[in-house]
Amino acid sequence: MLSTIRKPKEQGFTIIEVLIVLAIAGLILLIVFLAVPALQRNARNTERKNDAAGALSSISEYLDNNGGSLPASAAFAAPNWTVGAAGTAQSIAKLGYYTAITLRTAYVAPGAAADTITIMEGTKCTNATTAAAGSTRQVAAVYGVEASGGYVWQCQES
């Protein structure tokens, strides 16, 4: 007589199931590690654009407060950029990212320093990345933003 005694089934995961779970976890981690640097770069670029807009806003405020004359001087002491000489009507912009701002009286091609904003009087933006000579009341800011292959110049005008 044959015994029909059933052996208890062993509980647990097979090696295939474990490998599938590890492969899925690896793909998720890969996606996260690829996405985080891009998100951080976008956050820094947003801060750069806000800094340039704040600097242009302070120039416009200075123009309004001083009868349309552009500032003769500006001083940068992180995180503040002060437009105008001491004892005159001044305008101050708070900057979060940039380490220097250069105020020019005419158009100058952007330099290699990616952490600076160059504000040029008598200049207008010809497109999103370059500026050219404009009227005496126009002011443009040229600054670098991060891209996948390095820095790209951006232009904003007031």
Protein backbone atom coordinates (compact mmCIF):
# COMPACT_ATOMS: atom_id res chain seq x y z
CA MET A 1 0.00 0.00 0.00
CA LEU A 2 1.36 3.33 -1.01
CA SER A 3 1.38 6.06 1.51
CA THR A 4 -0.13 9.33 0.39
CA ILE A 5 1.50 11.41 2.99
CA ARG A 6 2.03 14.90 1.74
CA LYS A 7 5.27 16.64 2.45
CA PRO A 8 4.81 20.16 3.75
CA LYS A 9 5.61 22.78 1.11
CA GLU A 10 8.62 24.86 2.02
CA GLN A 11 7.86 28.54 2.48
CA GLY A 12 10.04 31.30 0.97
CA PHE A 13 11.06 33.02 -2.24
CA THR A 14 12.78 31.46 -5.18
CA ILE A 15 16.07 32.88 -6.42
CA ILE A 16 14.30 34.17 -9.56
CA GLU A 17 11.83 36.20 -7.49
CA VAL A 18 14.64 37.72 -5.44
CA LEU A 19 16.60 38.65 -8.58
CA ILE A 20 13.54 40.29 -10.14
CA VAL A 21 12.96 42.41 -7.02
CA LEU A 22 16.64 43.43 -6.94
CA ALA A 23 16.57 44.38 -10.64
CA ILE A 24 13.47 46.56 -10.14
CA ALA A 25 15.04 48.23 -7.08
CA GLY A 26 18.21 48.87 -9.09
CA LEU A 27 16.24 50.53 -11.89
CA ILE A 28 14.43 52.78 -9.43
CA LEU A 29 17.72 53.85 -7.83
CA LEU A 30 19.25 54.51 -11.24
CA ILE A 31 16.34 56.77 -12.19
CA VAL A 32 16.61 58.66 -8.90
CA PHE A 33 20.39 59.17 -9.23
CA LEU A 34 19.95 60.48 -12.77
CA ALA A 35 17.06 62.82 -11.89
CA VAL A 36 18.43 64.47 -8.73
CA PRO A 37 21.36 66.35 -10.35
CA ALA A 38 19.05 67.74 -13.05
CA LEU A 39 16.59 68.94 -10.40
CA GLN A 40 19.40 70.61 -8.46
CA ARG A 41 20.71 72.29 -11.63
CA ASN A 42 17.21 73.59 -12.42
CA ALA A 43 16.91 75.01 -8.89
CA ARG A 44 20.26 76.82 -9.22
CA ASN A 45 19.28 78.18 -12.65
CA THR A 46 15.99 79.49 -11.25
CA GLU A 47 17.93 81.27 -8.52
CA ARG A 48 20.30 82.74 -11.11
CA LYS A 49 17.36 84.07 -13.16
CA ASN A 50 15.79 85.56 -10.03
CA ASP A 51 19.09 87.22 -9.11
CA ALA A 52 19.36 88.80 -12.57
CA ALA A 53 15.75 89.99 -12.40
CA GLY A 54 16.39 91.48 -8.94
CA ALA A 55 19.49 93.29 -10.17
CA LEU A 56 17.60 94.72 -13.15
CA SER A 57 14.76 95.73 -10.85
CA SER A 58 17.18 97.63 -8.61
CA ILE A 59 18.58 99.44 -11.66
CA SER A 60 15.03 100.39 -12.73
CA GLU A 61 14.24 101.59 -9.22
CA TYR A 62 17.43 103.65 -9.22
CA LEU A 63 16.47 105.20 -12.56
CA ASP A 64 13.03 106.13 -11.21
CA ASN A 65 14.47 107.64 -8.03
CA ASN A 66 17.21 109.61 -9.77
CA GLY A 67 15.45 111.28 -12.69
CA GLY A 68 16.44 108.71 -15.27
CA SER A 69 20.19 108.97 -14.72
CA LEU A 70 22.04 105.69 -14.48
CA PRO A 71 24.21 104.95 -11.44
CA ALA A 72 27.82 106.04 -11.44
CA SER A 73 28.80 103.32 -8.99
CA ALA A 74 27.70 100.04 -7.49
CA ALA A 75 29.07 97.93 -4.67
CA PHE A 76 28.65 94.23 -4.02
CA ALA A 77 28.88 92.86 -0.48
CA ALA A 78 27.25 89.41 -0.41
CA PRO A 79 24.34 88.96 -0.37
CA ASN A 80 23.51 92.61 -1.20
CA TRP A 81 24.23 94.62 -4.31
CA THR A 82 23.96 98.37 -3.71
CA VAL A 83 23.37 100.62 -6.70
CA GLY A 84 24.44 104.24 -6.29
CA ALA A 85 27.06 106.06 -4.28
CA ALA A 86 26.80 106.66 -0.54
CA GLY A 87 24.81 109.77 0.24
CA THR A 88 22.62 109.46 -2.85
CA ALA A 89 19.34 107.66 -3.46
CA GLN A 90 20.30 104.01 -3.57
CA SER A 91 18.67 100.74 -4.54
CA ILE A 92 19.62 97.39 -3.05
CA ALA A 93 19.14 93.91 -4.52
CA LYS A 94 19.55 90.70 -2.52
CA LEU A 95 21.37 87.99 -4.42
CA GLY A 96 21.40 84.33 -3.52
CA TYR A 97 23.83 82.73 -5.95
CA TYR A 98 26.15 85.15 -7.69
CA THR A 99 29.45 86.21 -6.21
CA ALA A 100 29.93 89.36 -8.32
CA ILE A 101 28.06 91.84 -10.45
CA THR A 102 29.73 93.98 -13.07
CA LEU A 103 28.13 97.24 -14.17
CA ARG A 104 29.22 98.36 -17.66
CA THR A 105 28.43 101.55 -19.54
CA ALA A 106 28.26 99.76 -22.90
CA TYR A 107 27.90 96.28 -24.36
CA VAL A 108 30.73 93.87 -23.54
CA ALA A 109 30.77 90.23 -24.63
CA PRO A 110 30.31 87.90 -21.65
CA GLY A 111 33.48 86.59 -20.05
CA ALA A 112 34.34 83.17 -18.73
CA ALA A 113 33.19 83.80 -15.15
CA ALA A 114 29.91 81.92 -14.92
CA ASP A 115 29.09 83.13 -11.40
CA THR A 116 28.83 86.80 -12.34
CA ILE A 117 26.11 88.99 -13.78
CA THR A 118 27.17 91.65 -16.26
CA ILE A 119 24.71 94.55 -16.36
CA MET A 120 25.19 96.78 -19.37
CA GLU A 121 23.73 100.24 -19.82
CA GLY A 122 22.59 101.23 -23.30
CA THR A 123 22.10 97.59 -24.24
CA LYS A 124 19.15 95.45 -25.29
CA CYS A 125 18.70 91.70 -25.65
CA THR A 126 18.69 90.58 -29.27
CA ASN A 127 17.46 87.11 -28.29
CA ALA A 128 17.43 84.92 -25.19
CA THR A 129 21.21 84.56 -25.12
CA THR A 130 22.85 87.68 -26.56
CA ALA A 131 22.74 91.45 -26.21
CA ALA A 132 23.60 94.35 -28.51
CA ALA A 133 23.80 98.12 -28.33
CA GLY A 134 20.47 99.83 -27.69
CA SER A 135 19.16 103.19 -26.55
CA THR A 136 20.72 104.99 -23.60
CA ARG A 137 17.73 104.12 -21.35
CA GLN A 138 17.90 100.37 -21.99
CA VAL A 139 19.64 98.07 -19.54
CA ALA A 140 20.37 94.37 -20.06
CA ALA A 141 21.84 91.68 -17.83
CA VAL A 142 23.89 88.80 -19.22
CA TYR A 143 24.53 85.84 -16.94
CA GLY A 144 25.42 82.16 -17.22
CA VAL A 145 23.13 79.23 -16.46
CA GLU A 146 24.11 75.60 -16.24
CA ALA A 147 23.37 73.27 -19.12
CA SER A 148 24.29 69.64 -19.61
CA GLY A 149 27.50 70.54 -21.45
CA GLY A 150 28.62 73.56 -19.40
CA TYR A 151 27.33 77.12 -19.12
CA VAL A 152 24.99 78.91 -21.50
CA TRP A 153 24.63 82.68 -21.53
CA GLN A 154 21.19 84.20 -20.93
CA CYS A 155 20.04 87.77 -21.45
CA GLN A 156 17.32 89.73 -19.64
CA GLU A 157 16.46 93.37 -20.09
CA SER A 158 14.53 95.84 -17.99
